[in-house]
Structure formats: structure tokens, C-alpha cells
Amino acid sequence: MSTHTVHTCKQCGSHGNGKFCSTCGQLYAVKKITVKGILHEIFHFFTHLEKGFPYTLRKLITNPGEMQREYIEGQRVRHQKPFSMYFLSVTAAALLYYWINYTLVRYLHTDADELTFFNRYMVMLQIALVPVYSLITWIFFIKARYNYAETLVLLLYSFSMILLMAACIQLLKFIWPHLQTRYVELPLITIYLTLTNIRFFNEIPKWSAFARSVLATALCFLAATYTQDQLVSYLSR
């Protein structure tokens, strides 16, 4: 890259030359997201913990869909990287799930099977399932301009928020110990993912994005609940 070429920063819009923006520090040349890049990011996570978790979480709450699209298109400096964001969120959710179920088992004498599941398997299960969620979503939006790796980034961020949301919903069990929280989670998750997908896939008509999102969310939810139920059933034998 020539140091005499004037570039526009995709993060802050400033103009300059060289490799890095003199205003915010981001590289001018933003690489396209690929599977190879995501694997490199996984390695990077375990050696360099990012500092953008609170900022990214706030953007996922206030600006879902647009936040992911901006990240993919180059605005990456301030955000927690997608894999590390997902790993931190699923770990926090698993700890909250475990604490809630432990308290319910100890003091309200509810079923202990889920306690074993959340203690041992939830993090591994959710990490294993997110490529499946991404494949389902990519298939439904296959005519959009995003590849599978970019759809994976979308889902890593989206499910980071959803896992934390679902963990908080578990707190309702302190009021209704035998509540099937999935009936509360499903409509809220559907609304969040639908809003996210409509904003992210903004080149698709809203009615089409809405229909595709509802169907994709239903399949993702069925895949998650079926797998979880099978594991809990196996552990209870």
C-alpha cells in the first residue's frame, strides 16, 4: 500500500495515508471475513482478550443488525471480536443458569438433571450449535450478498445477546419453579432475531426478511431444544 495514497477510514470516515488511520488507529485495508479468518480469530481470542465487551453488548441491545453489518463492512476497532464475544456470553449464561438451577434444586427441590447439564455441557453444546444456526440462516438468506462466514459473524453476535437474555429469563423460576421458560424465550428470541435480520439484510424486502427470519428462528430453536432435551434425558438414565 503506497504511503502517498489517500484512504478513507471505514470506522470513523477520516482521510489519510499509510496503513493505519491517524484518528482511530484502524487499518485502512479491511479484509473480507472468511472461515480462515474466523479460525485465526479463535486463536487470537485465547492470546489477546479484547476490551470492547460492554460497548458491543450495548450496541447489540440498542442497534441489533446494523451493528453486525457495520462490523462486517469495516467498523471493527471498538467492538469485541465475534468469537470472543460469543464465548464470554455463553460462559456467563452458563454460570447464571447453573447458579439458578443449583439454588432451585437445593432450596425448592426441583429436578437435578438440568443442573448437571448446565454444569458440564451447556458451553460446549452452544459452541457446537452456532455453526448449525449460521448454516440455517445462511440457507434462508442465501440470495443475500453475505457469505457463510459473514453470516456466522452475524449469528455469533446475535446469539451472544440471546444467551444472556435467556439466562435472565431463568430468573422467573424463582417465582414459578416449574415454569417451562422456553415458551417465554421463543417469542422474545423470535422478535429479537427478526428485528436483527430485517436490519442486517436491509437489501431484502422487509416482508421477505420477516418471513425468512421467523422460519429460520423456529428451526434454530427446535434444533437447540431437541439437542438439549436429548442430552438431559441421556444424563438422567
Protein backbone atom coordinates (compact mmCIF):
# COMPACT_ATOMS: atom_id res chain seq x y z
CA MET A 1 0.00 0.00 0.00
CA SER A 2 1.55 3.31 -1.03
CA THR A 3 2.07 5.82 1.79
CA HIS A 4 1.16 8.58 -0.67
CA THR A 5 -2.32 7.22 -1.42
CA VAL A 6 -5.14 8.95 0.46
CA HIS A 7 -7.52 6.50 2.07
CA THR A 8 -10.87 6.81 3.85
CA CYS A 9 -11.23 5.04 7.19
CA LYS A 10 -14.29 2.75 7.30
CA GLN A 11 -14.51 3.18 11.08
CA CYS A 12 -14.56 6.97 11.53
CA GLY A 13 -14.55 8.36 7.98
CA SER A 14 -11.26 10.27 8.38
CA HIS A 15 -8.86 10.64 5.44
CA GLY A 16 -5.16 9.88 5.50
CA ASN A 17 -2.32 7.76 4.14
CA GLY A 18 -0.18 4.91 5.40
CA LYS A 19 -1.60 1.69 6.83
CA PHE A 20 -3.43 3.00 9.91
CA CYS A 21 -5.97 5.77 10.49
CA SER A 22 -4.34 8.60 12.44
CA THR A 23 -7.66 9.36 14.18
CA CYS A 24 -8.87 5.98 15.48
CA GLY A 25 -6.00 3.61 14.68
CA GLN A 26 -7.88 1.12 12.47
CA LEU A 27 -6.26 -0.38 9.37
CA TYR A 28 -7.40 1.30 6.17
CA ALA A 29 -7.36 -2.03 4.31
CA VAL A 30 -10.15 -4.15 5.88
CA LYS A 31 -10.00 -7.82 4.95
CA LYS A 32 -13.09 -9.73 3.81
CA ILE A 33 -14.41 -12.08 6.51
CA THR A 34 -13.66 -15.74 5.70
CA VAL A 35 -13.69 -19.08 7.53
CA LYS A 36 -9.87 -18.96 7.65
CA GLY A 37 -10.06 -15.53 9.27
CA ILE A 38 -12.54 -16.76 11.88
CA LEU A 39 -10.23 -19.68 12.77
CA HIS A 40 -7.38 -17.18 13.18
CA GLU A 41 -9.63 -15.09 15.41
CA ILE A 42 -10.34 -18.12 17.62
CA PHE A 43 -6.60 -18.48 18.19
CA HIS A 44 -6.32 -14.73 18.76
CA PHE A 45 -9.02 -14.86 21.44
CA PHE A 46 -7.03 -17.21 23.63
CA THR A 47 -3.92 -14.99 23.45
CA HIS A 48 -5.40 -11.45 23.44
CA LEU A 49 -8.62 -10.71 25.34
CA GLU A 50 -10.45 -7.78 23.77
CA LYS A 51 -11.74 -4.77 25.72
CA GLY A 52 -14.93 -3.96 23.82
CA PHE A 53 -17.43 -6.24 25.58
CA PRO A 54 -19.55 -3.51 27.27
CA TYR A 55 -19.64 -1.38 24.12
CA THR A 56 -20.57 -4.31 21.89
CA LEU A 57 -23.25 -5.51 24.31
CA ARG A 58 -24.79 -2.04 24.40
CA LYS A 59 -24.84 -1.89 20.58
CA LEU A 60 -26.46 -5.34 20.41
CA ILE A 61 -29.21 -4.05 22.69
CA THR A 62 -29.76 -0.67 21.06
CA ASN A 63 -28.80 -1.29 17.43
CA PRO A 64 -29.07 -5.01 16.53
CA GLY A 65 -28.48 -5.91 12.90
CA GLU A 66 -26.95 -2.58 11.99
CA MET A 67 -24.14 -3.20 14.50
CA GLN A 68 -23.23 -6.53 12.84
CA ARG A 69 -23.43 -5.06 9.35
CA GLU A 70 -21.15 -2.17 10.31
CA TYR A 71 -18.63 -4.62 11.78
CA ILE A 72 -18.59 -6.76 8.64
CA GLU A 73 -18.22 -3.69 6.44
CA GLY A 74 -15.18 -2.48 8.36
CA GLN A 75 -16.01 -0.70 11.62
CA ARG A 76 -14.17 -3.10 13.96
CA VAL A 77 -11.83 -1.23 16.32
CA ARG A 78 -14.23 -0.63 19.22
CA HIS A 79 -16.06 -3.96 19.10
CA GLN A 80 -15.34 -7.20 20.93
CA LYS A 81 -14.42 -9.71 18.25
CA PRO A 82 -17.32 -12.06 17.43
CA PHE A 83 -15.92 -15.37 18.69
CA SER A 84 -14.63 -13.93 21.96
CA MET A 85 -17.94 -12.08 22.44
CA TYR A 86 -19.83 -15.34 21.99
CA PHE A 87 -17.50 -17.33 24.24
CA LEU A 88 -17.74 -14.76 27.04
CA SER A 89 -21.53 -14.56 26.72
CA VAL A 90 -22.13 -18.31 26.67
CA THR A 91 -19.83 -18.74 29.67
CA ALA A 92 -21.63 -16.02 31.63
CA ALA A 93 -25.01 -17.51 30.65
CA ALA A 94 -23.91 -21.00 31.70
CA LEU A 95 -22.78 -19.73 35.10
CA LEU A 96 -26.08 -17.92 35.62
CA TYR A 97 -28.07 -20.99 34.51
CA TYR A 98 -26.06 -23.17 36.87
CA TRP A 99 -26.49 -20.83 39.85
CA ILE A 100 -30.25 -20.56 39.27
CA ASN A 101 -30.73 -24.32 38.91
CA TYR A 102 -28.44 -25.07 41.85
CA THR A 103 -30.49 -22.75 44.04
CA LEU A 104 -33.76 -24.29 42.84
CA VAL A 105 -32.53 -27.84 43.46
CA ARG A 106 -31.13 -27.08 46.88
CA TYR A 107 -33.92 -24.93 48.30
CA LEU A 108 -37.00 -25.77 46.21
CA HIS A 109 -36.14 -29.42 45.46
CA THR A 110 -36.67 -29.26 41.70
CA ASP A 111 -35.28 -31.75 39.17
CA ALA A 112 -31.47 -32.02 39.31
CA ASP A 113 -30.99 -33.23 35.71
CA GLU A 114 -30.75 -29.75 34.24
CA LEU A 115 -28.21 -28.80 36.91
CA THR A 116 -25.84 -31.49 35.60
CA PHE A 117 -26.45 -30.38 32.02
CA PHE A 118 -25.72 -26.69 32.64
CA ASN A 119 -22.73 -27.53 34.81
CA ARG A 120 -20.99 -29.79 32.30
CA TYR A 121 -22.31 -29.37 28.80
CA MET A 122 -24.01 -26.05 28.05
CA VAL A 123 -20.90 -24.14 26.91
CA MET A 124 -19.71 -26.97 24.64
CA LEU A 125 -23.22 -27.51 23.25
CA GLN A 126 -23.79 -23.87 22.33
CA ILE A 127 -20.35 -23.57 20.74
CA ALA A 128 -21.11 -26.69 18.70
CA LEU A 129 -24.56 -25.45 17.65
CA VAL A 130 -23.72 -21.94 16.46
CA PRO A 131 -22.34 -23.19 13.09
CA VAL A 132 -25.67 -25.02 12.67
CA TYR A 133 -27.65 -21.85 13.46
CA SER A 134 -25.49 -19.99 10.95
CA LEU A 135 -25.99 -22.61 8.24
CA ILE A 136 -29.76 -22.49 8.70
CA THR A 137 -29.78 -18.69 8.49
CA TRP A 138 -27.41 -18.61 5.50
CA ILE A 139 -29.63 -21.06 3.61
CA PHE A 140 -32.73 -18.95 4.22
CA PHE A 141 -30.88 -15.78 3.15
CA ILE A 142 -28.67 -17.42 0.52
CA LYS A 143 -29.54 -14.82 -2.11
CA ALA A 144 -28.22 -12.01 0.07
CA ARG A 145 -24.74 -10.60 -0.55
CA TYR A 146 -23.17 -12.18 2.55
CA ASN A 147 -21.18 -15.42 2.56
CA TYR A 148 -21.39 -18.17 5.19
CA ALA A 149 -18.52 -16.77 7.28
CA GLU A 150 -20.15 -13.34 7.41
CA THR A 151 -23.47 -14.95 8.38
CA LEU A 152 -21.59 -16.80 11.12
CA VAL A 153 -20.37 -13.45 12.47
CA LEU A 154 -23.97 -12.18 12.46
CA LEU A 155 -25.12 -15.22 14.46
CA LEU A 156 -22.18 -15.14 16.88
CA TYR A 157 -23.14 -11.61 17.89
CA SER A 158 -26.91 -12.25 17.82
CA PHE A 159 -26.73 -15.37 19.96
CA SER A 160 -24.36 -13.67 22.38
CA MET A 161 -27.26 -11.38 23.23
CA ILE A 162 -29.86 -14.15 23.10
CA LEU A 163 -27.98 -16.42 25.51
CA LEU A 164 -27.69 -13.63 28.06
CA MET A 165 -31.38 -12.82 27.54
CA ALA A 166 -32.41 -16.45 28.01
CA ALA A 167 -30.30 -16.75 31.16
CA CYS A 168 -32.05 -13.72 32.66
CA ILE A 169 -35.45 -15.23 31.79
CA GLN A 170 -34.49 -18.20 34.00
CA LEU A 171 -34.85 -15.87 36.99
CA LEU A 172 -38.63 -16.26 36.57
CA LYS A 173 -38.22 -19.74 38.03
CA PHE A 174 -37.74 -18.19 41.44
CA ILE A 175 -41.39 -17.12 41.16
CA TRP A 176 -42.66 -20.15 39.22
CA PRO A 177 -40.17 -23.03 39.88
CA HIS A 178 -41.72 -25.37 37.30
CA LEU A 179 -42.16 -22.78 34.54
CA GLN A 180 -41.24 -24.01 31.06
CA THR A 181 -39.20 -20.93 30.19
CA ARG A 182 -38.88 -21.92 26.53
CA TYR A 183 -42.43 -20.61 25.99
CA VAL A 184 -41.25 -17.21 27.20
CA GLU A 185 -37.93 -17.39 25.38
CA LEU A 186 -39.31 -18.33 21.96
CA PRO A 187 -41.40 -15.19 21.29
CA LEU A 188 -38.71 -12.87 22.67
CA ILE A 189 -35.94 -14.59 20.69
CA THR A 190 -38.09 -14.53 17.54
CA ILE A 191 -38.74 -10.81 17.91
CA TYR A 192 -35.06 -10.04 18.53
CA LEU A 193 -33.74 -12.17 15.68
CA THR A 194 -36.41 -10.93 13.27
CA LEU A 195 -35.59 -7.29 14.03
CA THR A 196 -31.87 -8.07 13.72
CA ASN A 197 -32.23 -9.84 10.38
CA ILE A 198 -34.50 -7.17 8.88
CA ARG A 199 -31.90 -4.52 9.71
CA PHE A 200 -28.92 -6.66 8.68
CA PHE A 201 -30.35 -7.93 5.38
CA ASN A 202 -31.64 -4.49 4.51
CA GLU A 203 -31.41 -5.05 0.73
CA ILE A 204 -34.17 -7.68 1.02
CA PRO A 205 -37.83 -6.53 1.25
CA LYS A 206 -38.91 -6.35 4.88
CA TRP A 207 -41.81 -8.78 4.46
CA SER A 208 -39.46 -11.36 2.92
CA ALA A 209 -36.81 -10.86 5.61
CA PHE A 210 -39.53 -11.19 8.25
CA ALA A 211 -40.85 -14.49 6.87
CA ARG A 212 -37.38 -15.96 6.34
CA SER A 213 -36.29 -14.89 9.81
CA VAL A 214 -39.29 -16.44 11.57
CA LEU A 215 -38.77 -19.77 9.78
CA ALA A 216 -35.01 -19.78 10.43
CA THR A 217 -35.52 -18.89 14.10
CA ALA A 218 -38.06 -21.68 14.53
CA LEU A 219 -35.64 -24.24 13.06
CA CYS A 220 -32.75 -22.97 15.21
CA PHE A 221 -34.94 -23.11 18.32
CA LEU A 222 -36.11 -26.64 17.51
CA ALA A 223 -32.52 -27.77 16.93
CA ALA A 224 -31.40 -26.30 20.25
CA THR A 225 -34.30 -27.60 22.36
CA TYR A 226 -34.23 -31.06 20.79
CA THR A 227 -30.48 -31.43 21.36
CA GLN A 228 -30.75 -30.12 24.93
CA ASP A 229 -33.69 -32.39 25.77
CA GLN A 230 -31.86 -35.42 24.37
CA LEU A 231 -28.78 -34.66 26.45
CA VAL A 232 -30.79 -34.09 29.64
CA SER A 233 -32.71 -37.31 29.01
CA TYR A 234 -29.48 -39.23 28.47
CA LEU A 235 -27.95 -37.80 31.66
CA SER A 236 -31.00 -38.82 33.70
CA ARG A 237 -30.66 -42.53 32.83
